[in-house]
Amino acid sequence: MTDFAIVREAMVDGQVRPSDVTLYPVIEAMLTVPREDYVPEALRDVAYIGDHLPLAERRVVLDARVMAKMLETLAIQPTELVLDVGVGLGLSAALVAHLSEAVIALESDEAMANEAEVLLASHDVDNAIVEIGPLSEGAPKHGPYDVIIIEGGVGELPQALIDQLKTGGRMAVIMMDGALGRCMLGRKFESGMNWRWSFDAAAPVLPGFEKQTIFAF
């Protein structure tokens, strides 16, 4: 029988720390949250392999390195409200819950959202609220948010999510251009969003986040 605690520690030592993740709260969250419980049952034994894990069409559990580096980039504080877009079965929400005051876990797939709610409750994650709805529309009734994190690739960022970010708030987005991607950190100012490169990463573009094609006649 697999000792997942040992495998989790090996993941942190072999994948997370070597990727320049140094913030103690992020390391502690990665060591504490049982990744194997938040993936499909058939994938439990490969939960720590160091790659994205499939959930559904164009939906994945981000690999540990990418997820940890996004959290490092955001430097979430214990007083902050976070919108986590595309939580799948709840892994990212469990991690963010360790770092923040509260997390709104948005999921468009009702079955996954219901399972995420059960899993989060079973692990006593009491500062996460699961919301069901289109990922591209966010969860405006709980906003505005100090931080927004998107669990998948983005071809074009919906304005609705920018609108739900507080002025001074931060957003981590994997911006995709074909097969190439970059994780960008955005900060919102009165004049708009200011973006800077954080690290290279790629993920399937989420439904509703496709780059819009403009036809010229």
C-alpha atoms as a PDB file:
ATOM      1  CA  MET A   1       0.000   0.000   0.000  1.00  0.00           C
ATOM      2  CA  THR A   2       1.359   3.397  -0.985  1.00  0.00           C
ATOM      3  CA  ASP A   3       2.447   5.684   1.842  1.00  0.00           C
ATOM      4  CA  PHE A   4       1.246   8.925   0.293  1.00  0.00           C
ATOM      5  CA  ALA A   5       2.804  11.077   3.027  1.00  0.00           C
ATOM      6  CA  ILE A   6       6.256   9.863   1.965  1.00  0.00           C
ATOM      7  CA  VAL A   7       5.409  10.324  -1.729  1.00  0.00           C
ATOM      8  CA  ARG A   8       4.114  13.830  -0.990  1.00  0.00           C
ATOM      9  CA  GLU A   9       7.341  14.779   0.755  1.00  0.00           C
ATOM     10  CA  ALA A  10       9.320  13.403  -2.188  1.00  0.00           C
ATOM     11  CA  MET A  11       7.170  15.531  -4.527  1.00  0.00           C
ATOM     12  CA  VAL A  12       7.965  18.668  -2.560  1.00  0.00           C
ATOM     13  CA  ASP A  13      11.683  17.857  -2.363  1.00  0.00           C
ATOM     14  CA  GLY A  14      11.978  16.708  -5.981  1.00  0.00           C
ATOM     15  CA  GLN A  15       9.531  18.952  -7.850  1.00  0.00           C
ATOM     16  CA  VAL A  16       8.499  21.952  -5.765  1.00  0.00           C
ATOM     17  CA  ARG A  17      11.628  23.134  -3.957  1.00  0.00           C
ATOM     18  CA  PRO A  18      13.896  22.791  -7.042  1.00  0.00           C
ATOM     19  CA  SER A  19      11.471  25.089  -8.897  1.00  0.00           C
ATOM     20  CA  ASP A  20      12.455  28.032  -6.665  1.00  0.00           C
ATOM     21  CA  VAL A  21       9.396  27.779  -4.445  1.00  0.00           C
ATOM     22  CA  THR A  22      10.611  29.144  -1.120  1.00  0.00           C
ATOM     23  CA  LEU A  23       7.613  30.608   0.702  1.00  0.00           C
ATOM     24  CA  TYR A  24       7.057  28.502   3.808  1.00  0.00           C
ATOM     25  CA  PRO A  25       3.222  28.692   3.740  1.00  0.00           C
ATOM     26  CA  VAL A  26       3.211  27.334   0.176  1.00  0.00           C
ATOM     27  CA  ILE A  27       5.646  24.528   1.048  1.00  0.00           C
ATOM     28  CA  GLU A  28       3.589  23.679   4.130  1.00  0.00           C
ATOM     29  CA  ALA A  29       0.355  23.572   2.127  1.00  0.00           C
ATOM     30  CA  MET A  30       1.917  21.307  -0.506  1.00  0.00           C
ATOM     31  CA  LEU A  31       3.151  18.977   2.250  1.00  0.00           C
ATOM     32  CA  THR A  32      -0.175  18.947   4.092  1.00  0.00           C
ATOM     33  CA  VAL A  33      -2.921  18.671   1.458  1.00  0.00           C
ATOM     34  CA  PRO A  34      -3.407  15.042   0.314  1.00  0.00           C
ATOM     35  CA  ARG A  35      -3.209  15.478  -3.469  1.00  0.00           C
ATOM     36  CA  GLU A  36      -4.201  11.846  -4.008  1.00  0.00           C
ATOM     37  CA  ASP A  37      -7.638  12.469  -2.499  1.00  0.00           C
ATOM     38  CA  TYR A  38      -8.489  15.262  -4.952  1.00  0.00           C
ATOM     39  CA  VAL A  39      -7.869  13.408  -8.216  1.00  0.00           C
ATOM     40  CA  PRO A  40     -10.056  10.805  -9.953  1.00  0.00           C
ATOM     41  CA  GLU A  41      -9.920   7.446  -8.176  1.00  0.00           C
ATOM     42  CA  ALA A  42      -8.221   5.772 -11.147  1.00  0.00           C
ATOM     43  CA  LEU A  43      -5.368   8.302 -10.959  1.00  0.00           C
ATOM     44  CA  ARG A  44      -4.592   8.146  -7.238  1.00  0.00           C
ATOM     45  CA  ASP A  45      -1.449   6.087  -7.770  1.00  0.00           C
ATOM     46  CA  VAL A  46      -0.065   8.610 -10.279  1.00  0.00           C
ATOM     47  CA  ALA A  47      -1.169  11.737  -8.410  1.00  0.00           C
ATOM     48  CA  TYR A  48       2.443  12.746  -7.768  1.00  0.00           C
ATOM     49  CA  ILE A  49       4.077  11.971 -11.126  1.00  0.00           C
ATOM     50  CA  GLY A  50       4.933  15.583 -11.952  1.00  0.00           C
ATOM     51  CA  ASP A  51       2.513  16.165 -14.809  1.00  0.00           C
ATOM     52  CA  HIS A  52      -0.992  17.496 -15.341  1.00  0.00           C
ATOM     53  CA  LEU A  53      -3.697  14.921 -14.631  1.00  0.00           C
ATOM     54  CA  PRO A  54      -6.801  14.779 -16.847  1.00  0.00           C
ATOM     55  CA  LEU A  55     -10.221  15.557 -15.372  1.00  0.00           C
ATOM     56  CA  ALA A  56     -12.362  16.117 -18.466  1.00  0.00           C
ATOM     57  CA  GLU A  57     -12.018  17.590 -21.938  1.00  0.00           C
ATOM     58  CA  ARG A  58      -9.588  20.549 -21.673  1.00  0.00           C
ATOM     59  CA  ARG A  59      -9.649  20.221 -17.893  1.00  0.00           C
ATOM     60  CA  VAL A  60      -6.684  19.085 -15.825  1.00  0.00           C
ATOM     61  CA  VAL A  61      -5.305  19.053 -12.319  1.00  0.00           C
ATOM     62  CA  LEU A  62      -2.238  21.263 -12.730  1.00  0.00           C
ATOM     63  CA  ASP A  63       1.030  19.543 -11.928  1.00  0.00           C
ATOM     64  CA  ALA A  64       2.502  20.284  -8.514  1.00  0.00           C
ATOM     65  CA  ARG A  65       5.351  22.432  -9.810  1.00  0.00           C
ATOM     66  CA  VAL A  66       3.043  24.757 -11.758  1.00  0.00           C
ATOM     67  CA  MET A  67       0.491  24.975  -8.968  1.00  0.00           C
ATOM     68  CA  ALA A  68       3.128  25.717  -6.318  1.00  0.00           C
ATOM     69  CA  LYS A  69       4.846  28.348  -8.471  1.00  0.00           C
ATOM     70  CA  MET A  70       1.525  30.082  -9.138  1.00  0.00           C
ATOM     71  CA  LEU A  71       0.881  30.210  -5.401  1.00  0.00           C
ATOM     72  CA  GLU A  72       4.429  31.480  -4.798  1.00  0.00           C
ATOM     73  CA  THR A  73       3.898  34.177  -7.446  1.00  0.00           C
ATOM     74  CA  LEU A  74       0.671  35.354  -5.816  1.00  0.00           C
ATOM     75  CA  ALA A  75       2.025  35.332  -2.228  1.00  0.00           C
ATOM     76  CA  ILE A  76      -1.508  35.015  -0.822  1.00  0.00           C
ATOM     77  CA  GLN A  77      -1.930  36.547   2.630  1.00  0.00           C
ATOM     78  CA  PRO A  78      -4.010  35.163   5.548  1.00  0.00           C
ATOM     79  CA  THR A  79      -6.419  38.123   5.392  1.00  0.00           C
ATOM     80  CA  GLU A  80      -7.234  37.795   1.681  1.00  0.00           C
ATOM     81  CA  LEU A  81     -10.313  36.586  -0.191  1.00  0.00           C
ATOM     82  CA  VAL A  82      -9.449  34.440  -3.221  1.00  0.00           C
ATOM     83  CA  LEU A  83     -11.446  33.372  -6.260  1.00  0.00           C
ATOM     84  CA  ASP A  84     -10.171  30.010  -7.532  1.00  0.00           C
ATOM     85  CA  VAL A  85     -11.475  29.429 -11.061  1.00  0.00           C
ATOM     86  CA  GLY A  86     -11.807  25.842 -12.286  1.00  0.00           C
ATOM     87  CA  VAL A  87     -11.182  23.905  -9.082  1.00  0.00           C
ATOM     88  CA  GLY A  88     -12.118  20.484 -10.451  1.00  0.00           C
ATOM     89  CA  LEU A  89     -12.293  18.136  -7.472  1.00  0.00           C
ATOM     90  CA  GLY A  90     -11.032  20.786  -5.059  1.00  0.00           C
ATOM     91  CA  LEU A  91      -7.252  20.337  -4.780  1.00  0.00           C
ATOM     92  CA  SER A  92      -6.348  23.933  -5.566  1.00  0.00           C
ATOM     93  CA  ALA A  93      -9.079  25.224  -3.246  1.00  0.00           C
ATOM     94  CA  ALA A  94      -7.680  23.105  -0.402  1.00  0.00           C
ATOM     95  CA  LEU A  95      -4.220  24.563  -1.011  1.00  0.00           C
ATOM     96  CA  VAL A  96      -5.473  28.143  -1.280  1.00  0.00           C
ATOM     97  CA  ALA A  97      -7.560  27.658   1.872  1.00  0.00           C
ATOM     98  CA  HIS A  98      -4.315  27.040   3.788  1.00  0.00           C
ATOM     99  CA  LEU A  99      -3.000  30.412   2.676  1.00  0.00           C
ATOM    100  CA  SER A 100      -6.023  32.730   2.684  1.00  0.00           C
ATOM    101  CA  GLU A 101      -8.862  33.890   4.880  1.00  0.00           C
ATOM    102  CA  ALA A 102     -11.406  32.356   2.500  1.00  0.00           C
ATOM    103  CA  VAL A 103     -11.606  30.923  -0.999  1.00  0.00           C
ATOM    104  CA  ILE A 104     -14.510  30.848  -3.427  1.00  0.00           C
ATOM    105  CA  ALA A 105     -14.021  27.652  -5.427  1.00  0.00           C
ATOM    106  CA  LEU A 106     -15.686  28.052  -8.825  1.00  0.00           C
ATOM    107  CA  GLU A 107     -16.472  24.987 -10.941  1.00  0.00           C
ATOM    108  CA  SER A 108     -18.658  24.709 -14.047  1.00  0.00           C
ATOM    109  CA  ASP A 109     -19.089  20.914 -13.961  1.00  0.00           C
ATOM    110  CA  GLU A 110     -21.830  20.165 -11.457  1.00  0.00           C
ATOM    111  CA  ALA A 111     -20.669  16.603 -10.719  1.00  0.00           C
ATOM    112  CA  MET A 112     -17.101  17.734 -10.046  1.00  0.00           C
ATOM    113  CA  ALA A 113     -18.322  20.663  -7.956  1.00  0.00           C
ATOM    114  CA  ASN A 114     -20.466  18.378  -5.804  1.00  0.00           C
ATOM    115  CA  GLU A 115     -17.549  15.993  -5.300  1.00  0.00           C
ATOM    116  CA  ALA A 116     -15.232  18.892  -4.459  1.00  0.00           C
ATOM    117  CA  GLU A 117     -17.672  20.079  -1.818  1.00  0.00           C
ATOM    118  CA  VAL A 118     -17.763  16.611  -0.236  1.00  0.00           C
ATOM    119  CA  LEU A 119     -13.978  16.213  -0.340  1.00  0.00           C
ATOM    120  CA  LEU A 120     -13.281  19.646   1.124  1.00  0.00           C
ATOM    121  CA  ALA A 121     -15.762  19.011   3.939  1.00  0.00           C
ATOM    122  CA  SER A 122     -14.256  15.579   4.639  1.00  0.00           C
ATOM    123  CA  HIS A 123     -10.864  17.258   5.132  1.00  0.00           C
ATOM    124  CA  ASP A 124     -12.340  19.988   7.366  1.00  0.00           C
ATOM    125  CA  VAL A 125     -11.619  22.776   4.888  1.00  0.00           C
ATOM    126  CA  ASP A 126     -14.166  25.143   6.379  1.00  0.00           C
ATOM    127  CA  ASN A 127     -13.064  28.388   4.698  1.00  0.00           C
ATOM    128  CA  ALA A 128     -13.857  27.280   1.135  1.00  0.00           C
ATOM    129  CA  ILE A 129     -17.207  27.791  -0.607  1.00  0.00           C
ATOM    130  CA  VAL A 130     -17.887  25.827  -3.797  1.00  0.00           C
ATOM    131  CA  GLU A 131     -19.856  27.732  -6.430  1.00  0.00           C
ATOM    132  CA  ILE A 132     -21.264  26.191  -9.626  1.00  0.00           C
ATOM    133  CA  GLY A 133     -21.289  28.330 -12.741  1.00  0.00           C
ATOM    134  CA  PRO A 134     -19.513  29.223 -15.983  1.00  0.00           C
ATOM    135  CA  LEU A 135     -15.819  29.721 -15.277  1.00  0.00           C
ATOM    136  CA  SER A 136     -15.577  32.726 -17.568  1.00  0.00           C
ATOM    137  CA  GLU A 137     -18.218  34.596 -15.564  1.00  0.00           C
ATOM    138  CA  GLY A 138     -16.531  34.283 -12.177  1.00  0.00           C
ATOM    139  CA  ALA A 139     -18.545  34.548  -8.967  1.00  0.00           C
ATOM    140  CA  PRO A 140     -19.455  38.236  -8.675  1.00  0.00           C
ATOM    141  CA  LYS A 141     -21.781  37.907  -5.700  1.00  0.00           C
ATOM    142  CA  HIS A 142     -18.842  37.098  -3.404  1.00  0.00           C
ATOM    143  CA  GLY A 143     -16.437  39.665  -4.852  1.00  0.00           C
ATOM    144  CA  PRO A 144     -14.508  41.794  -5.253  1.00  0.00           C
ATOM    145  CA  TYR A 145     -11.470  39.599  -4.628  1.00  0.00           C
ATOM    146  CA  ASP A 146      -7.960  40.295  -3.411  1.00  0.00           C
ATOM    147  CA  VAL A 147      -6.623  37.452  -5.553  1.00  0.00           C
ATOM    148  CA  ILE A 148      -7.840  35.430  -8.540  1.00  0.00           C
ATOM    149  CA  ILE A 149      -6.136  32.238  -9.724  1.00  0.00           C
ATOM    150  CA  ILE A 150      -7.177  30.340 -12.849  1.00  0.00           C
ATOM    151  CA  GLU A 151      -6.598  26.573 -12.980  1.00  0.00           C
ATOM    152  CA  GLY A 152      -5.958  26.129 -16.679  1.00  0.00           C
ATOM    153  CA  GLY A 153      -4.847  27.843 -19.846  1.00  0.00           C
ATOM    154  CA  VAL A 154      -6.213  31.183 -21.030  1.00  0.00           C
ATOM    155  CA  GLY A 155      -6.342  32.312 -24.653  1.00  0.00           C
ATOM    156  CA  GLU A 156      -8.282  35.471 -23.845  1.00  0.00           C
ATOM    157  CA  LEU A 157      -9.044  36.694 -20.333  1.00  0.00           C
ATOM    158  CA  PRO A 158     -12.741  37.474 -19.786  1.00  0.00           C
ATOM    159  CA  GLN A 159     -13.396  41.047 -18.688  1.00  0.00           C
ATOM    160  CA  ALA A 160     -15.814  39.714 -16.068  1.00  0.00           C
ATOM    161  CA  LEU A 161     -12.902  38.310 -14.062  1.00  0.00           C
ATOM    162  CA  ILE A 162     -10.907  41.532 -14.272  1.00  0.00           C
ATOM    163  CA  ASP A 163     -13.986  43.408 -13.058  1.00  0.00           C
ATOM    164  CA  GLN A 164     -14.201  41.158  -9.973  1.00  0.00           C
ATOM    165  CA  LEU A 165     -10.629  41.881  -8.883  1.00  0.00           C
ATOM    166  CA  LYS A 166     -10.100  44.648  -6.329  1.00  0.00           C
ATOM    167  CA  THR A 167      -7.978  47.620  -7.265  1.00  0.00           C
ATOM    168  CA  GLY A 168      -4.530  46.596  -6.043  1.00  0.00           C
ATOM    169  CA  GLY A 169      -5.496  42.921  -6.340  1.00  0.00           C
ATOM    170  CA  ARG A 170      -3.469  40.203  -8.074  1.00  0.00           C
ATOM    171  CA  MET A 171      -4.235  37.548 -10.651  1.00  0.00           C
ATOM    172  CA  ALA A 172      -2.185  34.563 -11.866  1.00  0.00           C
ATOM    173  CA  VAL A 173      -2.968  33.392 -15.396  1.00  0.00           C
ATOM    174  CA  ILE A 174      -1.375  30.821 -17.727  1.00  0.00           C
ATOM    175  CA  MET A 175      -1.575  32.732 -21.005  1.00  0.00           C
ATOM    176  CA  MET A 176      -1.468  30.366 -23.987  1.00  0.00           C
ATOM    177  CA  ASP A 177      -0.284  31.180 -27.503  1.00  0.00           C
ATOM    178  CA  GLY A 178      -0.687  27.979 -29.485  1.00  0.00           C
ATOM    179  CA  ALA A 179       1.263  25.277 -27.642  1.00  0.00           C
ATOM    180  CA  LEU A 180       3.398  27.806 -25.751  1.00  0.00           C
ATOM    181  CA  GLY A 181       2.383  29.301 -22.467  1.00  0.00           C
ATOM    182  CA  ARG A 182       3.561  31.737 -19.830  1.00  0.00           C
ATOM    183  CA  CYS A 183       2.311  32.240 -16.305  1.00  0.00           C
ATOM    184  CA  MET A 184       1.676  35.959 -15.928  1.00  0.00           C
ATOM    185  CA  LEU A 185       1.108  37.910 -12.737  1.00  0.00           C
ATOM    186  CA  GLY A 186      -1.343  40.755 -13.159  1.00  0.00           C
ATOM    187  CA  ARG A 187      -1.954  43.600 -10.748  1.00  0.00           C
ATOM    188  CA  LYS A 188      -5.003  45.827 -11.072  1.00  0.00           C
ATOM    189  CA  PHE A 189      -4.676  49.595 -11.003  1.00  0.00           C
ATOM    190  CA  GLU A 190      -7.242  52.311 -11.559  1.00  0.00           C
ATOM    191  CA  SER A 191      -5.865  52.607 -15.089  1.00  0.00           C
ATOM    192  CA  GLY A 192      -6.170  48.871 -15.815  1.00  0.00           C
ATOM    193  CA  MET A 193      -4.138  45.669 -15.488  1.00  0.00           C
ATOM    194  CA  ASN A 194      -0.350  45.621 -15.365  1.00  0.00           C
ATOM    195  CA  TRP A 195       1.187  42.268 -16.342  1.00  0.00           C
ATOM    196  CA  ARG A 196       4.621  40.735 -15.870  1.00  0.00           C
ATOM    197  CA  TRP A 197       6.078  37.343 -16.765  1.00  0.00           C
ATOM    198  CA  SER A 198       6.505  34.939 -13.863  1.00  0.00           C
ATOM    199  CA  PHE A 199       7.528  31.591 -15.393  1.00  0.00           C
ATOM    200  CA  ASP A 200       6.921  29.398 -18.430  1.00  0.00           C
ATOM    201  CA  ALA A 201       4.028  26.932 -18.172  1.00  0.00           C
ATOM    202  CA  ALA A 202       1.395  25.422 -20.443  1.00  0.00           C
ATOM    203  CA  ALA A 203      -2.075  23.981 -19.897  1.00  0.00           C
ATOM    204  CA  PRO A 204      -5.161  23.267 -22.027  1.00  0.00           C
ATOM    205  CA  VAL A 205      -7.200  26.399 -22.692  1.00  0.00           C
ATOM    206  CA  LEU A 206     -10.307  26.313 -20.505  1.00  0.00           C
ATOM    207  CA  PRO A 207     -13.750  26.337 -22.136  1.00  0.00           C
ATOM    208  CA  GLY A 208     -14.871  29.950 -22.367  1.00  0.00           C
ATOM    209  CA  PHE A 209     -11.305  31.284 -22.371  1.00  0.00           C
ATOM    210  CA  GLU A 210     -10.542  30.773 -26.076  1.00  0.00           C
ATOM    211  CA  LYS A 211      -8.954  33.608 -28.034  1.00  0.00           C
ATOM    212  CA  GLN A 212     -11.667  35.237 -30.078  1.00  0.00           C
ATOM    213  CA  THR A 213     -11.132  35.099 -33.845  1.00  0.00           C
ATOM    214  CA  ILE A 214     -11.873  38.327 -35.686  1.00  0.00           C
ATOM    215  CA  PHE A 215     -12.864  37.851 -39.317  1.00  0.00           C
ATOM    216  CA  ALA A 216     -11.934  40.536 -41.812  1.00  0.00           C
ATOM    217  CA  PHE A 217     -13.874  40.830 -45.055  1.00  0.00           C
END
